[in-house]
Amino acid sequence: MNPLHALLAAVLLAAPLTAHSESTAERDARMAWWRNARLGMFVHWGLYSGAEGVWDQKPFGGGVEWIQDYAGIPADDYAARLKPLFRPKPGFAKEWAHLAKEMGAQYVVFTSKHHEGFALWDSKVSDFDAHDVTGRDLFKEIVTALRAEGLRVGVYFSVIDWHHPDFPVKNTGLPHPLTKSLAKLPSDPDTGRSLPRYVDFMHRQVEEIVSRYGTLDVLWWDWSSKETQGPSWRAAELMSMVRQHQPRIIMNNRLFFSPNVEGDNLGIFDVAKGDFTTPEQHIPATGTPGVDWESCMTLNGTWGWSEHDFAWKSAETLVRNTIDIASKGGNYLINAGPRVDGSIPETIQVRFRELGAWMHTYGESIHGTTPNPAGAVPWGRITAKPGRLYLHVFDWPKNHQVTVPLKSVHTVTGHMLADPQHHAIACDVTANGIVVTLAPQFQNPYASVVVLDLPPAK
């Protein structure tokens, strides 16, 4: 690069759109679709899908996308045994997108590269990618299918890479398969490895993603440790480069923190370090007021496909988690782990379709809502829109009445959301709040929904 080009590059890198250069109104506008979505689909899929949670006839539990680490498998052995199994069927991406749409999701986040280091796009800086294995750019197939269904496109990218020869083995606070066999290795496995050199490579891969495939809506980073975070990844530079190519993109804060290590990171949350935080496998008891957040959860006990994990969440749990998270102002990112050929198991499809059937009738009470303004209730959850409350009744009372603890309201009208005629139901203002009489014919086994219209505030 000649000196003039270097100077221009430095100027561009120093002046992208960042959280600091945005006004509050501009950031709100950029975040609006994500805040309105409330429901997304996560997809974990890679070479690990071919192992199906088993290595050398030994089953592994937990997140089996980590099987290379769990079993201490050297990178060359891992790649040699799993690459021949990775043969995606035609049209798999369209099936993902259709299922996400059926489910009621408004965005999909897929693993473009997990800790194993296998990339789903045609990387020009590596031959450990889908194009070199299958002759196809699977990244392009996925984003094309998602856009065709009107879904927003989210891309997961792990900064960990167990395949790359420069990614450190020790002293990072991050996992590595070779730590399982350090005592047996003939020499120090970090000899010749260089984290800065790996980070250069990682930046180039990220730039391939954000510069080739049109508009991307979410970049979902994963993950850091107390020892290796932020500056280790040259994170500010990396995020600036991403925003040069994708000014409207939304990114989480895992370049700087890992919720697996540091909870929900709320005490140190900073929008300059990401747009939202990501509690994993749980729902914060009171949400995360003032912070954009998204609970990501598995459907069973693993993110990647396992042939032996049958601990599936029920459709009722999915519906009620969706409601609970929306009532606290968060998004719910529910995972699907496809088989190695890209097909999504019927067990997952059934649950997602049941959630979708509920969302088809009641999605108005989820999408575009804000947190419960009325206080906790014993019978379910509440979401809100301007001038309107949605009462989600989990436990239908024997007397068909629920009380909403609002005492400053003088008049209110209501109807069951599932009632196509919107027949009025009794809403009586009392000293204890608004007593709503439910219509039993519109009871739903997962969650029934009442719409309360409140008078305009004076």
Protein backbone atom coordinates (compact mmCIF):
# COMPACT_ATOMS: atom_id res chain seq x y z
CA MET A 1 0.00 0.00 0.00
CA ASN A 2 1.46 3.35 -0.98
CA PRO A 3 1.60 6.19 1.63
CA LEU A 4 -1.41 8.05 0.18
CA HIS A 5 -3.55 4.93 0.24
CA ALA A 6 -2.40 4.21 3.79
CA LEU A 7 -3.37 7.72 4.89
CA LEU A 8 -6.81 7.45 3.28
CA ALA A 9 -7.38 4.07 4.91
CA ALA A 10 -6.44 5.47 8.30
CA VAL A 11 -8.85 8.39 7.89
CA LEU A 12 -11.69 6.09 6.88
CA LEU A 13 -10.99 3.74 9.77
CA ALA A 14 -11.00 6.62 12.24
CA ALA A 15 -14.35 8.03 11.10
CA PRO A 16 -16.99 5.33 10.64
CA LEU A 17 -20.49 5.43 12.05
CA THR A 18 -20.10 4.34 15.69
CA ALA A 19 -22.27 4.43 18.77
CA HIS A 20 -20.42 7.63 19.80
CA SER A 21 -21.23 9.43 16.53
CA GLU A 22 -24.94 8.62 16.69
CA SER A 23 -27.54 10.73 18.38
CA THR A 24 -30.03 8.93 20.59
CA ALA A 25 -32.69 9.36 17.90
CA GLU A 26 -30.39 7.88 15.24
CA ARG A 27 -29.55 4.89 17.39
CA ASP A 28 -33.22 4.35 18.22
CA ALA A 29 -34.02 4.38 14.51
CA ARG A 30 -31.27 1.85 13.78
CA MET A 31 -32.41 -0.41 16.61
CA ALA A 32 -36.16 -0.06 15.92
CA TRP A 33 -36.72 -3.20 13.83
CA TRP A 34 -34.75 -5.34 16.30
CA ARG A 35 -36.63 -3.99 19.30
CA ASN A 36 -39.92 -4.63 17.54
CA ALA A 37 -39.03 -8.17 16.46
CA ARG A 38 -39.01 -9.84 19.90
CA LEU A 39 -38.54 -13.30 18.34
CA GLY A 40 -35.70 -14.77 16.29
CA MET A 41 -34.34 -18.16 15.28
CA PHE A 42 -30.76 -19.21 16.02
CA VAL A 43 -29.15 -21.91 13.84
CA HIS A 44 -26.03 -23.83 14.88
CA TRP A 45 -24.67 -25.85 11.97
CA GLY A 46 -21.19 -26.88 10.90
CA LEU A 47 -18.87 -29.87 10.66
CA TYR A 48 -19.75 -30.74 14.28
CA SER A 49 -23.27 -31.55 13.07
CA GLY A 50 -21.85 -34.67 11.44
CA ALA A 51 -20.46 -35.99 14.73
CA GLU A 52 -23.99 -35.89 16.22
CA GLY A 53 -22.60 -35.70 19.75
CA VAL A 54 -20.53 -38.90 19.48
CA TRP A 55 -16.78 -39.41 19.01
CA ASP A 56 -15.15 -42.83 18.82
CA GLN A 57 -18.43 -44.35 19.99
CA LYS A 58 -18.43 -42.19 23.14
CA PRO A 59 -21.45 -39.91 23.54
CA PHE A 60 -20.85 -36.36 24.78
CA GLY A 61 -23.45 -34.20 26.47
CA GLY A 62 -23.82 -30.46 26.74
CA GLY A 63 -23.27 -28.27 23.70
CA VAL A 64 -21.98 -30.86 21.25
CA GLU A 65 -20.80 -28.19 18.82
CA TRP A 66 -17.88 -28.21 21.31
CA ILE A 67 -17.13 -31.90 20.72
CA GLN A 68 -13.69 -31.16 19.29
CA ASP A 69 -12.75 -29.57 22.61
CA TYR A 70 -14.61 -32.08 24.80
CA ALA A 71 -12.87 -35.03 23.13
CA GLY A 72 -9.49 -33.26 22.73
CA ILE A 73 -9.40 -33.87 18.97
CA PRO A 74 -6.45 -32.46 16.98
CA ALA A 75 -7.55 -30.17 14.15
CA ASP A 76 -6.30 -32.36 11.29
CA ASP A 77 -8.01 -35.50 12.62
CA TYR A 78 -11.23 -33.58 13.24
CA ALA A 79 -11.31 -32.13 9.73
CA ALA A 80 -10.35 -35.38 8.00
CA ARG A 81 -13.14 -37.36 9.65
CA LEU A 82 -15.94 -34.80 9.44
CA LYS A 83 -15.45 -33.06 6.08
CA PRO A 84 -16.59 -36.13 4.08
CA LEU A 85 -19.86 -36.18 6.03
CA PHE A 86 -20.71 -32.54 5.27
CA ARG A 87 -22.96 -32.78 2.22
CA PRO A 88 -25.84 -30.29 2.50
CA LYS A 89 -28.96 -31.25 0.60
CA PRO A 90 -30.32 -28.89 -2.09
CA GLY A 91 -32.79 -26.33 -0.77
CA PHE A 92 -31.91 -26.71 2.91
CA ALA A 93 -31.69 -22.94 3.38
CA LYS A 94 -35.18 -22.39 1.97
CA GLU A 95 -36.50 -24.91 4.50
CA TRP A 96 -34.81 -22.99 7.34
CA ALA A 97 -36.26 -19.70 6.17
CA HIS A 98 -39.75 -21.12 5.71
CA LEU A 99 -39.71 -22.64 9.19
CA ALA A 100 -38.52 -19.39 10.75
CA LYS A 101 -41.34 -17.54 9.02
CA GLU A 102 -43.87 -20.16 10.17
CA MET A 103 -42.56 -19.87 13.72
CA GLY A 104 -43.22 -16.15 13.84
CA ALA A 105 -39.55 -15.14 13.93
CA GLN A 106 -38.56 -11.88 12.28
CA TYR A 107 -34.84 -12.59 12.03
CA VAL A 108 -32.48 -15.56 11.84
CA VAL A 109 -28.92 -15.73 13.18
CA PHE A 110 -26.82 -18.56 11.72
CA THR A 111 -23.32 -19.75 12.61
CA SER A 112 -21.12 -18.64 9.74
CA LYS A 113 -18.09 -19.97 11.64
CA HIS A 114 -18.08 -21.63 15.05
CA HIS A 115 -15.13 -22.42 17.32
CA GLU A 116 -14.06 -25.30 15.05
CA GLY A 117 -13.01 -22.65 12.48
CA PHE A 118 -15.00 -24.04 9.52
CA ALA A 119 -16.40 -21.19 7.41
CA LEU A 120 -19.70 -21.46 5.51
CA TRP A 121 -18.60 -18.95 2.85
CA ASP A 122 -15.92 -19.12 0.15
CA SER A 123 -13.04 -17.63 2.13
CA LYS A 124 -10.11 -16.38 0.07
CA VAL A 125 -7.77 -16.55 3.10
CA SER A 126 -8.51 -20.17 4.05
CA ASP A 127 -9.32 -23.49 2.42
CA PHE A 128 -11.13 -24.69 5.56
CA ASP A 129 -14.50 -23.61 4.25
CA ALA A 130 -17.71 -24.89 2.72
CA HIS A 131 -16.78 -23.97 -0.85
CA ASP A 132 -13.61 -26.04 -0.73
CA VAL A 133 -15.53 -28.97 0.75
CA THR A 134 -18.82 -28.80 -1.20
CA GLY A 135 -18.22 -26.45 -4.13
CA ARG A 136 -21.05 -24.23 -2.81
CA ASP A 137 -21.18 -20.87 -1.07
CA LEU A 138 -23.55 -21.89 1.71
CA PHE A 139 -23.46 -18.42 3.28
CA LYS A 140 -24.91 -16.98 0.07
CA GLU A 141 -27.58 -19.70 -0.12
CA ILE A 142 -28.68 -18.95 3.44
CA VAL A 143 -28.86 -15.17 3.19
CA THR A 144 -30.66 -15.39 -0.17
CA ALA A 145 -33.28 -17.73 1.32
CA LEU A 146 -33.81 -15.55 4.40
CA ARG A 147 -34.30 -12.41 2.34
CA ALA A 148 -36.77 -14.21 0.07
CA GLU A 149 -38.97 -14.82 3.15
CA GLY A 150 -38.69 -11.20 4.27
CA LEU A 151 -36.53 -12.11 7.28
CA ARG A 152 -33.71 -10.04 8.69
CA VAL A 153 -30.26 -11.64 8.35
CA GLY A 154 -28.10 -12.26 11.40
CA VAL A 155 -24.60 -13.74 11.21
CA TYR A 156 -22.87 -15.46 14.12
CA PHE A 157 -19.06 -15.34 14.06
CA SER A 158 -16.76 -16.92 16.64
CA VAL A 159 -13.44 -15.24 17.31
CA ILE A 160 -12.18 -18.60 18.59
CA ASP A 161 -10.66 -20.85 15.92
CA TRP A 162 -9.35 -24.29 16.90
CA HIS A 163 -8.28 -25.07 13.34
CA HIS A 164 -6.02 -22.08 12.76
CA PRO A 165 -2.34 -22.76 13.52
CA ASP A 166 -1.85 -19.34 15.15
CA PHE A 167 -4.73 -19.51 17.64
CA PRO A 168 -3.11 -19.91 21.10
CA VAL A 169 -3.59 -23.07 23.13
CA LYS A 170 -2.76 -21.82 26.64
CA ASN A 171 -3.16 -18.81 28.90
CA THR A 172 -6.07 -17.16 27.10
CA GLY A 173 -8.94 -18.10 29.40
CA LEU A 174 -10.48 -19.61 26.27
CA PRO A 175 -10.96 -23.31 25.47
CA HIS A 176 -8.72 -25.26 23.15
CA PRO A 177 -8.83 -29.02 22.36
CA LEU A 178 -5.07 -29.47 22.80
CA THR A 179 -5.24 -28.55 26.49
CA LYS A 180 -6.69 -32.04 27.03
CA SER A 181 -3.37 -33.62 26.04
CA LEU A 182 -0.68 -31.12 27.10
CA ALA A 183 1.19 -33.71 29.15
CA LYS A 184 1.45 -36.01 26.12
CA LEU A 185 2.65 -33.38 23.64
CA PRO A 186 6.35 -33.53 22.72
CA SER A 187 6.78 -29.74 22.92
CA ASP A 188 5.02 -26.54 23.87
CA PRO A 189 1.98 -26.31 21.53
CA ASP A 190 2.21 -22.51 21.47
CA THR A 191 5.69 -22.49 19.95
CA GLY A 192 5.41 -20.62 16.67
CA ARG A 193 1.83 -19.51 17.29
CA SER A 194 0.98 -15.79 17.16
CA LEU A 195 -2.30 -14.32 18.39
CA PRO A 196 -1.70 -11.00 16.54
CA ARG A 197 -1.17 -12.93 13.32
CA TYR A 198 -4.37 -14.88 13.92
CA VAL A 199 -6.27 -11.64 14.61
CA ASP A 200 -5.08 -10.27 11.26
CA PHE A 201 -6.52 -13.38 9.61
CA MET A 202 -9.76 -13.12 11.58
CA HIS A 203 -10.24 -9.46 10.55
CA ARG A 204 -9.80 -10.43 6.91
CA GLN A 205 -12.43 -13.15 7.23
CA VAL A 206 -14.90 -10.77 8.85
CA GLU A 207 -14.34 -8.25 6.07
CA GLU A 208 -15.15 -10.96 3.52
CA ILE A 209 -18.51 -11.51 5.21
CA VAL A 210 -19.52 -7.87 5.59
CA SER A 211 -18.37 -6.74 2.14
CA ARG A 212 -19.68 -9.47 -0.19
CA TYR A 213 -23.25 -10.37 0.65
CA GLY A 214 -25.27 -7.17 0.67
CA THR A 215 -27.02 -5.83 3.74
CA LEU A 216 -26.56 -7.81 6.93
CA ASP A 217 -28.72 -6.88 9.90
CA VAL A 218 -26.99 -8.47 12.91
CA LEU A 219 -23.42 -9.52 13.63
CA TRP A 220 -23.48 -11.87 16.62
CA TRP A 221 -19.96 -12.14 18.04
CA ASP A 222 -18.83 -15.06 20.23
CA TRP A 223 -16.88 -14.95 22.68
CA SER A 224 -14.28 -13.53 25.05
CA SER A 225 -12.74 -14.19 28.46
CA LYS A 226 -11.38 -12.04 31.25
CA GLU A 227 -7.88 -12.70 29.95
CA THR A 228 -8.64 -12.35 26.23
CA GLN A 229 -11.17 -9.74 25.17
CA GLY A 230 -11.58 -6.35 23.48
CA PRO A 231 -7.99 -5.21 22.82
CA SER A 232 -6.88 -8.81 22.17
CA TRP A 233 -9.19 -8.87 19.14
CA ARG A 234 -8.52 -5.21 18.21
CA ALA A 235 -12.25 -4.99 18.73
CA ALA A 236 -12.72 -1.24 18.25
CA GLU A 237 -10.91 -1.43 14.91
CA LEU A 238 -12.88 -4.53 13.95
CA MET A 239 -16.25 -2.97 14.75
CA SER A 240 -15.28 0.21 12.90
CA MET A 241 -14.41 -1.80 9.81
CA VAL A 242 -17.73 -3.64 10.02
CA ARG A 243 -19.65 -0.35 10.24
CA GLN A 244 -17.82 1.05 7.22
CA HIS A 245 -19.36 -1.76 5.17
CA GLN A 246 -22.62 -2.12 7.13
CA PRO A 247 -23.57 1.24 8.71
CA ARG A 248 -26.96 0.00 9.97
CA ILE A 249 -25.80 -3.31 11.41
CA ILE A 250 -26.54 -4.26 15.03
CA MET A 251 -23.82 -6.04 17.04
CA ASN A 252 -23.76 -7.71 20.45
CA ASN A 253 -21.09 -7.05 23.08
CA ARG A 254 -19.31 -10.42 23.22
CA LEU A 255 -16.10 -9.07 21.71
CA PHE A 256 -15.59 -7.61 25.18
CA PHE A 257 -17.40 -9.98 27.54
CA SER A 258 -18.79 -13.46 27.81
CA PRO A 259 -22.06 -13.96 29.69
CA ASN A 260 -20.83 -17.47 30.49
CA VAL A 261 -18.15 -15.83 32.62
CA GLU A 262 -19.54 -12.47 33.65
CA GLY A 263 -23.29 -12.82 33.91
CA ASP A 264 -25.31 -10.34 31.86
CA ASN A 265 -22.60 -7.63 31.89
CA LEU A 266 -25.07 -4.96 32.90
CA GLY A 267 -22.85 -3.13 35.35
CA ILE A 268 -20.30 -2.47 32.62
CA PHE A 269 -22.54 -2.31 29.57
CA ASP A 270 -21.43 0.35 27.08
CA VAL A 271 -23.06 0.88 23.67
CA ALA A 272 -19.62 1.62 22.23
CA LYS A 273 -18.85 -2.04 22.93
CA GLY A 274 -22.00 -3.44 21.34
CA ASP A 275 -25.66 -2.66 20.83
CA PHE A 276 -27.15 -5.42 22.98
CA THR A 277 -26.23 -7.96 25.63
CA THR A 278 -26.93 -11.68 25.48
CA PRO A 279 -27.99 -13.60 28.59
CA GLU A 280 -27.57 -17.25 27.66
CA GLN A 281 -29.88 -20.11 28.64
CA HIS A 282 -31.85 -17.98 31.10
CA ILE A 283 -34.29 -15.09 31.36
CA PRO A 284 -33.22 -12.27 33.70
CA ALA A 285 -35.72 -12.10 36.53
CA THR A 286 -36.60 -8.45 35.94
CA GLY A 287 -35.21 -7.98 32.44
CA THR A 288 -32.36 -5.52 31.93
CA PRO A 289 -33.93 -2.05 32.20
CA GLY A 290 -32.27 0.55 30.02
CA VAL A 291 -30.24 -2.04 28.08
CA ASP A 292 -31.20 -3.84 24.87
CA TRP A 293 -31.01 -7.58 25.49
CA GLU A 294 -31.69 -10.94 23.91
CA SER A 295 -31.99 -14.30 25.67
CA CYS A 296 -30.55 -17.09 23.53
CA MET A 297 -31.60 -20.61 24.43
CA THR A 298 -31.33 -24.14 23.16
CA LEU A 299 -34.43 -26.21 22.47
CA ASN A 300 -32.88 -29.19 24.28
CA GLY A 301 -29.49 -29.30 26.04
CA THR A 302 -27.28 -28.55 23.04
CA TRP A 303 -26.83 -25.98 20.28
CA GLY A 304 -25.49 -28.37 17.66
CA TRP A 305 -27.37 -31.51 16.58
CA SER A 306 -27.10 -34.51 18.91
CA GLU A 307 -28.46 -37.96 18.21
CA HIS A 308 -28.97 -38.70 21.93
CA ASP A 309 -30.25 -35.49 23.57
CA PHE A 310 -34.03 -35.78 23.91
CA ALA A 311 -34.60 -33.17 26.64
CA TRP A 312 -36.80 -31.04 24.41
CA LYS A 313 -38.60 -27.96 25.67
CA SER A 314 -42.35 -28.14 25.12
CA ALA A 315 -44.29 -25.82 22.84
CA GLU A 316 -45.93 -24.41 25.97
CA THR A 317 -42.49 -23.49 27.34
CA LEU A 318 -41.54 -21.79 24.05
CA VAL A 319 -44.76 -19.76 24.04
CA ARG A 320 -44.46 -18.74 27.66
CA ASN A 321 -40.74 -17.90 27.36
CA THR A 322 -41.55 -15.71 24.36
CA ILE A 323 -44.18 -13.87 26.39
CA ASP A 324 -42.06 -13.63 29.53
CA ILE A 325 -39.11 -12.16 27.64
CA ALA A 326 -41.26 -9.67 25.72
CA SER A 327 -42.93 -8.58 28.97
CA LYS A 328 -39.47 -7.66 30.28
CA GLY A 329 -38.40 -5.82 27.12
CA GLY A 330 -36.14 -8.46 25.58
CA ASN A 331 -35.87 -10.63 22.47
CA TYR A 332 -36.00 -14.44 22.44
CA LEU A 333 -33.52 -16.20 20.13
CA ILE A 334 -34.51 -19.88 19.98
CA ASN A 335 -32.01 -22.37 18.59
CA ALA A 336 -32.39 -25.08 15.98
CA GLY A 337 -29.56 -27.54 15.38
CA PRO A 338 -29.89 -29.04 11.87
CA ARG A 339 -28.48 -32.41 10.91
CA VAL A 340 -25.29 -32.44 8.86
CA ASP A 341 -27.28 -32.40 5.58
CA GLY A 342 -28.99 -29.16 6.68
CA SER A 343 -32.36 -30.78 7.43
CA ILE A 344 -34.09 -29.68 10.62
CA PRO A 345 -35.37 -32.65 12.64
CA GLU A 346 -39.13 -33.09 12.79
CA THR A 347 -39.05 -32.83 16.60
CA ILE A 348 -37.82 -29.24 16.26
CA GLN A 349 -40.19 -28.42 13.42
CA VAL A 350 -43.24 -29.57 15.40
CA ARG A 351 -42.42 -27.30 18.33
CA PHE A 352 -41.61 -24.32 16.14
CA ARG A 353 -44.84 -24.76 14.20
CA GLU A 354 -46.85 -24.93 17.43
CA LEU A 355 -45.22 -21.71 18.56
CA GLY A 356 -46.00 -20.28 15.12
CA ALA A 357 -49.64 -21.26 15.36
CA TRP A 358 -49.89 -19.37 18.64
CA MET A 359 -48.03 -16.40 17.16
CA HIS A 360 -50.37 -16.38 14.14
CA THR A 361 -53.28 -15.59 16.46
CA TYR A 362 -51.52 -13.66 19.20
CA GLY A 363 -48.37 -12.20 17.61
CA GLU A 364 -49.78 -8.68 17.91
CA SER A 365 -49.23 -9.02 21.66
CA ILE A 366 -45.50 -9.75 21.13
CA HIS A 367 -44.17 -7.89 18.09
CA GLY A 368 -43.62 -4.19 18.66
CA THR A 369 -44.49 -4.30 22.33
CA THR A 370 -42.82 -2.69 25.33
CA PRO A 371 -42.36 -4.03 28.87
CA ASN A 372 -45.10 -4.50 31.43
CA PRO A 373 -45.91 -1.07 32.95
CA ALA A 374 -48.48 -2.35 35.44
CA GLY A 375 -46.43 -4.49 37.82
CA ALA A 376 -46.16 -8.24 38.36
CA VAL A 377 -49.31 -10.35 38.31
CA PRO A 378 -49.79 -13.90 39.65
CA TRP A 379 -51.71 -15.22 36.66
CA GLY A 380 -49.31 -14.48 33.78
CA ARG A 381 -47.52 -11.62 32.05
CA ILE A 382 -48.34 -8.22 30.51
CA THR A 383 -46.97 -6.47 27.42
CA ALA A 384 -47.86 -3.01 26.19
CA LYS A 385 -48.29 -0.67 23.25
CA PRO A 386 -49.34 3.00 23.43
CA GLY A 387 -52.78 3.11 25.03
CA ARG A 388 -53.04 -0.66 25.15
CA LEU A 389 -52.14 -3.57 27.44
CA TYR A 390 -52.00 -7.24 26.50
CA LEU A 391 -52.81 -9.59 29.36
CA HIS A 392 -51.27 -13.04 28.86
CA VAL A 393 -53.14 -15.46 31.09
CA PHE A 394 -51.10 -18.58 31.92
CA ASP A 395 -53.26 -19.80 34.79
CA TRP A 396 -56.94 -19.46 33.94
CA PRO A 397 -58.82 -18.71 37.18
CA LYS A 398 -61.84 -20.74 38.22
CA ASN A 399 -63.97 -17.59 38.47
CA HIS A 400 -62.78 -16.42 35.01
CA GLN A 401 -61.49 -13.13 36.46
CA VAL A 402 -58.05 -11.54 36.63
CA THR A 403 -57.05 -8.29 38.27
CA VAL A 404 -54.65 -5.77 36.72
CA PRO A 405 -52.99 -3.62 39.41
CA LEU A 406 -53.75 -0.23 37.84
CA LYS A 407 -55.56 2.18 40.17
CA SER A 408 -55.39 5.53 38.36
CA VAL A 409 -57.57 4.44 35.44
CA HIS A 410 -61.26 5.40 35.42
CA THR A 411 -62.49 3.76 32.21
CA VAL A 412 -61.19 0.84 30.21
CA THR A 413 -62.48 -1.46 27.48
CA GLY A 414 -61.36 -4.94 26.61
CA HIS A 415 -61.76 -7.95 24.37
CA MET A 416 -60.19 -11.36 23.85
CA LEU A 417 -57.50 -11.14 21.19
CA ALA A 418 -58.61 -14.46 19.67
CA ASP A 419 -62.16 -13.15 19.19
CA PRO A 420 -62.44 -12.07 15.54
CA GLN A 421 -65.52 -9.97 16.40
CA HIS A 422 -63.82 -8.18 19.30
CA HIS A 423 -66.84 -8.57 21.55
CA ALA A 424 -66.46 -6.45 24.67
CA ILE A 425 -65.74 -8.21 27.95
CA ALA A 426 -66.42 -6.79 31.41
CA CYS A 427 -63.66 -4.57 32.77
CA ASP A 428 -64.58 -3.17 36.18
CA VAL A 429 -62.52 -0.47 37.86
CA THR A 430 -62.20 -1.27 41.56
CA ALA A 431 -60.15 -0.13 44.53
CA ASN A 432 -57.76 -3.06 43.86
CA GLY A 433 -57.36 -2.40 40.15
CA ILE A 434 -59.12 -3.43 36.96
CA VAL A 435 -61.07 -6.67 37.29
CA VAL A 436 -61.35 -8.34 33.88
CA THR A 437 -63.86 -11.11 33.21
CA LEU A 438 -62.46 -13.55 30.65
CA ALA A 439 -64.46 -15.24 27.90
CA PRO A 440 -63.98 -19.02 28.38
CA GLN A 441 -64.58 -19.89 24.72
CA PHE A 442 -61.29 -18.16 23.85
CA GLN A 443 -59.15 -19.97 26.41
CA ASN A 444 -55.80 -21.12 24.99
CA PRO A 445 -53.88 -24.00 26.61
CA TYR A 446 -50.53 -22.17 26.37
CA ALA A 447 -51.54 -18.56 27.03
CA SER A 448 -54.80 -16.70 26.49
CA VAL A 449 -54.60 -13.02 25.64
CA VAL A 450 -56.82 -10.09 26.59
CA VAL A 451 -56.56 -6.67 24.96
CA LEU A 452 -57.19 -3.72 27.27
CA ASP A 453 -57.61 -0.29 25.72
CA LEU A 454 -56.86 2.49 28.14
CA PRO A 455 -57.99 6.11 27.92
CA PRO A 456 -55.43 8.61 26.62
CA ALA A 457 -53.20 10.08 29.29
CA LYS A 458 -54.16 13.65 30.20
